[in-house]
């Protein structure tokens, strides 16, 4: 090969190497610029979304102090010890149906099982919602039933507790009200649920609300100090339940004014994040009805059980309501509830 030809090939090789180096440099620069744009763009998006409340849930989840464990928030709740002293053997259940007169009863869960009702349980009259805590304490509340039986309306805006060791019932606390309840609408506390993670109660009250005015409240209460930690105003809720999704913890609320279920995000301290969000309507489900979610329970296996009744602010309507059961399964992959079935209780 001639020296001239070798020289030309050498020059071409050098040009190709320089061109390749230039392309590589440009690719690196473009990649860096693209990365900076992406990071900056995400920062701006997160900021504005957070300002509008859209991204509050994501922000809350990222700052969670403890790892997210999907499941019911009251899984640590246990039965009280005192029924054993009265000759009852577990399993047993708490009966607030008022079928054999007012008050709380504990019944052995077997045919012909023993029934326990202490004197202090009768004095408060008809009782409605209840929940248990990690120590076996029972929390409940008095509710009006057909008539007030001479009790003042404010007496229904209280939380009662049943001691886990003795079984004695006493008042835990009297809740404040947005407006004073009346004899025409005396409802106070109607829903409650327990959260193991911070030993607290969520309690819903309809005190002061009427068929035309929604001034109900949901309280987050620290059981150790008996203090109200957080408060959600202007929402009439019956049933309450707390569940931890993959995306974070939520309080589920059954509206007292419609067959709709709402939820609201909870932060690490159990406080309310944002505003209630519509989840679904019981009336829109196959086999569903125009029910109000009277009870919301989360069962083992991540099952959502809703007990629905027809509710109004009329005492007579509450005397013998038709009850329907709605069951949902948690979709772990989709992080959502999937309707299973509805049937009469």
Protein backbone atom coordinates (compact mmCIF):
# COMPACT_ATOMS: atom_id res chain seq x y z
CA UNK A 1 0.00 0.00 0.00
CA UNK A 2 1.31 3.42 -0.95
CA UNK A 3 2.30 5.88 1.76
CA UNK A 4 -0.23 8.41 0.41
CA UNK A 5 -3.10 5.92 0.74
CA UNK A 6 -2.04 5.00 4.28
CA UNK A 7 -1.92 8.68 5.17
CA UNK A 8 -5.47 9.22 3.85
CA UNK A 9 -6.80 6.22 5.81
CA UNK A 10 -5.08 7.46 8.96
CA UNK A 11 -6.73 10.85 8.62
CA UNK A 12 -10.15 9.23 8.07
CA UNK A 13 -9.65 7.06 11.15
CA UNK A 14 -8.76 10.10 13.26
CA UNK A 15 -11.86 11.95 12.02
CA UNK A 16 -14.10 9.00 12.90
CA UNK A 17 -12.59 8.78 16.40
CA UNK A 18 -13.06 12.51 16.97
CA UNK A 19 -16.64 12.31 15.69
CA UNK A 20 -17.42 9.37 17.97
CA UNK A 21 -15.94 11.20 20.99
CA UNK A 22 -18.02 14.26 20.14
CA UNK A 23 -21.22 12.15 19.91
CA UNK A 24 -20.47 10.47 23.23
CA UNK A 25 -19.87 13.85 24.91
CA UNK A 26 -23.14 15.19 23.49
CA UNK A 27 -25.05 12.14 24.70
CA UNK A 28 -23.68 12.61 28.25
CA UNK A 29 -24.55 16.32 28.22
CA UNK A 30 -28.07 15.60 26.93
CA UNK A 31 -28.56 12.92 29.58
CA UNK A 32 -27.46 15.29 32.35
CA UNK A 33 -29.71 18.05 31.06
CA UNK A 34 -32.62 15.61 30.82
CA UNK A 35 -32.02 14.41 34.37
CA UNK A 36 -31.93 17.96 35.70
CA UNK A 37 -35.16 18.79 33.86
CA UNK A 38 -36.85 15.65 35.23
CA UNK A 39 -35.77 16.31 38.82
CA UNK A 40 -36.67 19.97 38.66
CA UNK A 41 -39.97 19.19 36.96
CA UNK A 42 -40.93 16.60 39.58
CA UNK A 43 -40.05 19.04 42.34
CA UNK A 44 -42.31 21.71 40.86
CA UNK A 45 -45.11 19.20 40.24
CA UNK A 46 -44.91 17.87 43.79
CA UNK A 47 -44.93 21.40 45.20
CA UNK A 48 -48.00 22.53 43.30
CA UNK A 49 -49.82 19.27 43.85
CA UNK A 50 -49.07 19.55 47.55
CA UNK A 51 -50.34 23.12 47.57
CA UNK A 52 -53.64 21.96 46.06
CA UNK A 53 -53.95 19.03 48.45
CA UNK A 54 -53.68 16.43 45.68
CA UNK A 55 -50.30 15.11 46.76
CA UNK A 56 -50.77 15.34 50.50
CA UNK A 57 -51.40 11.59 50.78
CA UNK A 58 -48.17 10.72 48.97
CA UNK A 59 -46.19 13.16 51.09
CA UNK A 60 -47.72 11.72 54.24
CA UNK A 61 -46.86 8.16 53.24
CA UNK A 62 -43.25 9.03 52.48
CA UNK A 63 -42.81 10.62 55.89
CA UNK A 64 -44.42 7.74 57.81
CA UNK A 65 -42.46 6.96 60.95
CA UNK A 66 -43.25 3.24 60.82
CA UNK A 67 -43.38 0.79 57.87
CA UNK A 68 -46.84 0.35 56.35
CA UNK A 69 -48.51 -2.88 57.49
CA UNK A 70 -51.70 -3.48 55.52
CA UNK A 71 -54.67 -4.47 57.68
CA UNK A 72 -57.26 -3.48 60.25
CA UNK A 73 -56.20 -0.87 62.78
CA UNK A 74 -57.95 -2.57 65.73
CA UNK A 75 -56.35 -6.02 65.31
CA UNK A 76 -54.84 -5.85 68.82
CA UNK A 77 -58.26 -5.55 70.51
CA UNK A 78 -59.06 -8.42 72.87
CA UNK A 79 -61.88 -9.68 75.04
CA UNK A 80 -62.16 -8.48 78.63
CA UNK A 81 -61.15 -10.80 81.48
CA UNK A 82 -64.13 -10.26 83.79
CA UNK A 83 -66.65 -12.63 82.07
CA UNK A 84 -64.49 -15.57 83.22
CA UNK A 85 -65.20 -14.57 86.82
CA UNK A 86 -68.92 -14.93 86.13
CA UNK A 87 -68.60 -18.38 84.61
CA UNK A 88 -68.58 -17.45 80.92
CA UNK A 89 -66.09 -19.07 78.60
CA UNK A 90 -64.83 -17.64 75.29
CA UNK A 91 -65.68 -17.22 72.58
CA UNK A 92 -68.45 -14.83 73.51
CA UNK A 93 -69.97 -11.77 71.89
CA UNK A 94 -71.25 -8.38 72.96
CA UNK A 95 -74.99 -7.98 72.44
CA UNK A 96 -76.47 -4.47 72.07
CA UNK A 97 -79.58 -5.45 70.12
CA UNK A 98 -81.88 -4.49 73.03
CA UNK A 99 -84.11 -7.51 72.24
CA UNK A 100 -84.56 -8.42 75.90
CA UNK A 101 -84.58 -4.91 77.32
CA UNK A 102 -82.05 -2.10 77.43
CA UNK A 103 -78.38 -2.35 78.24
CA UNK A 104 -75.31 -4.35 77.30
CA UNK A 105 -75.13 -8.14 77.44
CA UNK A 106 -72.30 -10.60 76.96
CA UNK A 107 -73.34 -13.99 75.62
CA UNK A 108 -71.37 -17.19 75.17
CA UNK A 109 -71.14 -17.94 71.46
CA UNK A 110 -72.77 -21.35 71.59
CA UNK A 111 -76.27 -22.75 71.66
CA UNK A 112 -77.77 -22.13 75.06
CA UNK A 113 -74.75 -20.07 76.08
CA UNK A 114 -74.74 -18.15 79.36
CA UNK A 115 -75.84 -14.51 79.35
CA UNK A 116 -74.21 -11.86 81.55
CA UNK A 117 -75.67 -8.43 82.34
CA UNK A 118 -74.45 -6.42 85.34
CA UNK A 119 -76.63 -3.84 87.11
CA UNK A 120 -74.45 -0.91 86.01
CA UNK A 121 -75.06 -1.90 82.38
CA UNK A 122 -78.80 -1.43 82.73
CA UNK A 123 -78.72 2.05 84.28
CA UNK A 124 -77.58 3.78 81.08
CA UNK A 125 -80.54 2.44 79.12
CA UNK A 126 -80.22 1.61 75.44
CA UNK A 127 -76.69 1.51 74.07
CA UNK A 128 -75.50 1.72 70.48
CA UNK A 129 -71.94 1.65 69.14
CA UNK A 130 -69.11 -0.22 70.81
CA UNK A 131 -65.47 -1.16 70.36
CA UNK A 132 -62.71 -2.90 72.35
CA UNK A 133 -59.13 -1.86 73.05
CA UNK A 134 -55.85 -3.73 73.53
CA UNK A 135 -56.56 -4.16 77.25
CA UNK A 136 -60.05 -5.59 76.84
CA UNK A 137 -61.86 -2.39 77.86
CA UNK A 138 -65.26 -2.03 76.20
CA UNK A 139 -66.28 1.44 74.98
CA UNK A 140 -69.89 2.22 74.15
CA UNK A 141 -72.40 5.08 74.17
CA UNK A 142 -76.07 5.59 75.04
CA UNK A 143 -78.48 6.16 72.14
CA UNK A 144 -82.13 7.28 72.06
CA UNK A 145 -84.46 4.43 71.17
CA UNK A 146 -88.07 5.23 70.18
CA UNK A 147 -88.32 7.83 72.97
CA UNK A 148 -86.06 9.63 75.43
CA UNK A 149 -87.56 8.06 78.57
CA UNK A 150 -87.07 11.33 80.42
CA UNK A 151 -83.36 11.63 79.63
CA UNK A 152 -81.99 15.03 78.50
CA UNK A 153 -80.71 15.10 74.88
CA UNK A 154 -77.19 16.01 76.00
CA UNK A 155 -76.93 12.71 77.90
CA UNK A 156 -76.49 10.95 74.55
CA UNK A 157 -73.29 12.76 73.65
CA UNK A 158 -71.10 10.72 76.01
CA UNK A 159 -68.63 7.84 75.87
CA UNK A 160 -68.95 5.05 78.42
CA UNK A 161 -66.35 2.42 79.35
CA UNK A 162 -66.60 -1.05 80.86
CA UNK A 163 -63.59 -1.98 83.00
CA UNK A 164 -61.78 -5.03 81.62
CA UNK A 165 -61.14 -6.53 85.07
CA UNK A 166 -64.31 -5.72 87.04
CA UNK A 167 -66.94 -5.17 84.34
CA UNK A 168 -68.15 -1.97 85.98
CA UNK A 169 -69.48 0.68 83.58
CA UNK A 170 -68.62 4.35 84.04
CA UNK A 171 -68.44 7.55 82.01
CA UNK A 172 -65.19 8.12 80.11
CA UNK A 173 -65.99 11.63 78.91
CA UNK A 174 -68.70 14.03 77.78
CA UNK A 175 -68.11 15.40 74.27
CA UNK A 176 -68.59 19.04 73.20
CA UNK A 177 -71.22 19.79 70.57
CA UNK A 178 -71.47 22.19 67.64
CA UNK A 179 -75.09 22.96 68.46
CA UNK A 180 -77.24 21.82 71.35
CA UNK A 181 -79.29 18.73 70.50
CA UNK A 182 -83.05 18.89 70.90
CA UNK A 183 -85.78 16.46 71.90
CA UNK A 184 -86.79 16.30 68.24
CA UNK A 185 -83.22 15.26 67.29
CA UNK A 186 -81.42 14.01 70.39
CA UNK A 187 -78.77 11.84 68.71
CA UNK A 188 -75.25 12.27 70.01
CA UNK A 189 -72.52 9.62 69.75
CA UNK A 190 -73.46 7.08 67.08
CA UNK A 191 -70.18 5.55 65.88
CA UNK A 192 -66.75 4.61 67.22
CA UNK A 193 -63.67 2.59 66.36
CA UNK A 194 -60.29 1.87 67.96
CA UNK A 195 -56.75 2.37 66.60
CA UNK A 196 -54.07 0.15 68.15
CA UNK A 197 -51.11 2.17 66.88
CA UNK A 198 -51.74 5.12 69.18
CA UNK A 199 -54.30 3.72 71.66
CA UNK A 200 -57.03 6.09 70.56
CA UNK A 201 -60.69 6.25 69.60
CA UNK A 202 -62.42 7.80 66.61
CA UNK A 203 -65.94 8.82 67.61
CA UNK A 204 -68.73 10.30 65.50
CA UNK A 205 -71.43 12.54 66.95
CA UNK A 206 -74.62 13.90 65.40
CA UNK A 207 -75.25 16.32 68.27
CA UNK A 208 -76.96 19.44 66.91
CA UNK A 209 -77.53 18.10 63.41
CA UNK A 210 -81.02 17.98 61.92
CA UNK A 211 -82.56 16.76 58.69
CA UNK A 212 -81.73 20.17 57.20
CA UNK A 213 -78.48 21.07 58.97
CA UNK A 214 -75.26 18.99 58.99
CA UNK A 215 -73.07 19.99 61.94
CA UNK A 216 -71.86 16.56 63.06
CA UNK A 217 -68.32 15.97 64.24
CA UNK A 218 -65.73 13.21 64.26
CA UNK A 219 -63.36 13.22 67.22
CA UNK A 220 -59.94 11.59 67.57
CA UNK A 221 -59.47 10.91 71.29
CA UNK A 222 -56.37 9.87 73.21
CA UNK A 223 -57.57 7.27 75.74
CA UNK A 224 -54.72 7.78 78.19
CA UNK A 225 -55.21 11.53 78.63
CA UNK A 226 -58.91 11.61 77.64
CA UNK A 227 -58.12 14.56 75.40
CA UNK A 228 -59.45 15.34 71.94
CA UNK A 229 -56.41 15.26 69.66
CA UNK A 230 -58.09 16.10 66.35
CA UNK A 231 -61.56 17.06 65.18
CA UNK A 232 -63.38 16.97 61.84
CA UNK A 233 -66.35 19.35 61.65
CA UNK A 234 -69.44 19.40 59.49
CA UNK A 235 -69.76 15.69 58.66
CA UNK A 236 -72.61 13.45 59.86
CA UNK A 237 -71.22 9.91 60.11
CA UNK A 238 -72.73 6.72 61.50
CA UNK A 239 -70.29 3.83 61.14
CA UNK A 240 -66.51 4.33 61.42
CA UNK A 241 -63.56 2.06 60.66
CA UNK A 242 -59.79 2.48 60.25
CA UNK A 243 -57.76 0.43 57.77
CA UNK A 244 -54.18 0.70 56.57
CA UNK A 245 -53.90 0.45 52.78
CA UNK A 246 -50.65 0.09 50.86
CA UNK A 247 -50.89 3.83 50.24
CA UNK A 248 -51.47 4.68 53.90
CA UNK A 249 -54.01 4.69 56.73
CA UNK A 250 -57.60 5.82 56.16
CA UNK A 251 -60.66 6.43 58.29
CA UNK A 252 -63.80 5.11 56.55
CA UNK A 253 -67.09 6.85 57.34
CA UNK A 254 -70.68 5.92 56.56
CA UNK A 255 -72.79 8.99 55.88
CA UNK A 256 -75.86 9.46 58.08
CA UNK A 257 -77.53 11.39 55.26
CA UNK A 258 -77.03 9.09 52.26
CA UNK A 259 -75.99 5.52 51.32
CA UNK A 260 -72.48 6.75 50.57
CA UNK A 261 -69.15 5.71 52.07
CA UNK A 262 -66.38 8.28 52.41
CA UNK A 263 -62.78 8.09 53.56
CA UNK A 264 -60.19 10.53 54.81
CA UNK A 265 -56.41 10.06 55.02
CA UNK A 266 -54.75 9.92 58.43
CA UNK A 267 -51.24 11.10 59.25
CA UNK A 268 -48.71 9.46 61.59
CA UNK A 269 -50.40 10.99 64.64
CA UNK A 270 -53.87 9.94 63.53
CA UNK A 271 -54.85 13.46 62.42
CA UNK A 272 -57.07 14.16 59.43
CA UNK A 273 -55.38 14.99 56.12
CA UNK A 274 -57.42 16.95 53.57
CA UNK A 275 -61.18 16.47 53.25
CA UNK A 276 -63.45 13.39 53.07
CA UNK A 277 -63.36 11.63 49.70
CA UNK A 278 -66.27 9.67 48.19
CA UNK A 279 -65.55 5.93 47.91
CA UNK A 280 -68.78 4.24 46.77
CA UNK A 281 -72.56 4.11 47.29
CA UNK A 282 -74.32 1.12 48.86
CA UNK A 283 -77.36 1.82 46.70
CA UNK A 284 -75.30 1.42 43.52
CA UNK A 285 -74.07 -2.09 44.40
CA UNK A 286 -75.66 -5.26 43.03
CA UNK A 287 -78.28 -6.29 45.59
CA UNK A 288 -77.71 -3.06 47.49
CA UNK A 289 -80.30 -0.74 48.95
CA UNK A 290 -80.68 2.88 50.03
CA UNK A 291 -79.00 2.05 53.33
CA UNK A 292 -76.79 4.04 55.65
CA UNK A 293 -73.58 2.38 56.82
CA UNK A 294 -74.53 1.80 60.43
CA UNK A 295 -71.44 -0.28 61.28
CA UNK A 296 -68.08 -0.58 59.50
CA UNK A 297 -65.83 -3.46 60.52
CA UNK A 298 -62.60 -4.85 59.10
CA UNK A 299 -62.18 -8.59 59.58
CA UNK A 300 -59.25 -10.97 59.41
CA UNK A 301 -58.21 -11.71 55.88
CA UNK A 302 -58.66 -8.02 55.02
CA UNK A 303 -62.41 -8.18 54.56
CA UNK A 304 -64.61 -5.08 54.87
CA UNK A 305 -68.02 -5.74 56.43
CA UNK A 306 -70.65 -3.00 56.41
CA UNK A 307 -73.96 -3.27 58.21
CA UNK A 308 -76.54 -1.03 56.52
CA UNK A 309 -79.84 0.27 57.89
CA UNK A 310 -82.39 2.85 56.87
CA UNK A 311 -81.62 5.84 59.07
CA UNK A 312 -83.22 9.21 59.49
CA UNK A 313 -83.20 11.64 62.37
CA UNK A 314 -86.54 10.23 63.50
CA UNK A 315 -86.55 8.10 66.64
CA UNK A 316 -89.43 5.96 65.42
CA UNK A 317 -87.49 5.03 62.30
CA UNK A 318 -84.70 3.69 64.48
CA UNK A 319 -86.95 1.32 66.45
CA UNK A 320 -86.83 -1.73 64.16
CA UNK A 321 -84.77 -1.09 61.04
CA UNK A 322 -84.09 -3.63 58.29
CA UNK A 323 -80.41 -4.56 58.29
CA UNK A 324 -78.33 -5.58 55.28
CA UNK A 325 -74.76 -6.85 55.15
CA UNK A 326 -72.23 -5.73 52.51
CA UNK A 327 -68.93 -7.56 52.07
CA UNK A 328 -65.79 -6.39 50.25
CA UNK A 329 -62.35 -7.94 49.70
CA UNK A 330 -59.13 -5.96 49.69
CA UNK A 331 -57.32 -6.07 46.34
CA UNK A 332 -53.66 -5.99 47.36
CA UNK A 333 -52.39 -5.36 43.85
CA UNK A 334 -54.83 -2.57 43.06
CA UNK A 335 -54.85 -1.16 46.63
CA UNK A 336 -58.66 -0.96 46.58
CA UNK A 337 -61.83 -2.64 47.82
CA UNK A 338 -63.67 -5.08 45.56
CA UNK A 339 -67.37 -5.71 46.21
CA UNK A 340 -68.24 -9.34 46.94
CA UNK A 341 -71.92 -9.52 47.89
CA UNK A 342 -74.88 -8.00 49.71
CA UNK A 343 -77.53 -9.90 51.66
CA UNK A 344 -80.02 -9.39 54.51
CA UNK A 345 -78.68 -9.95 58.00
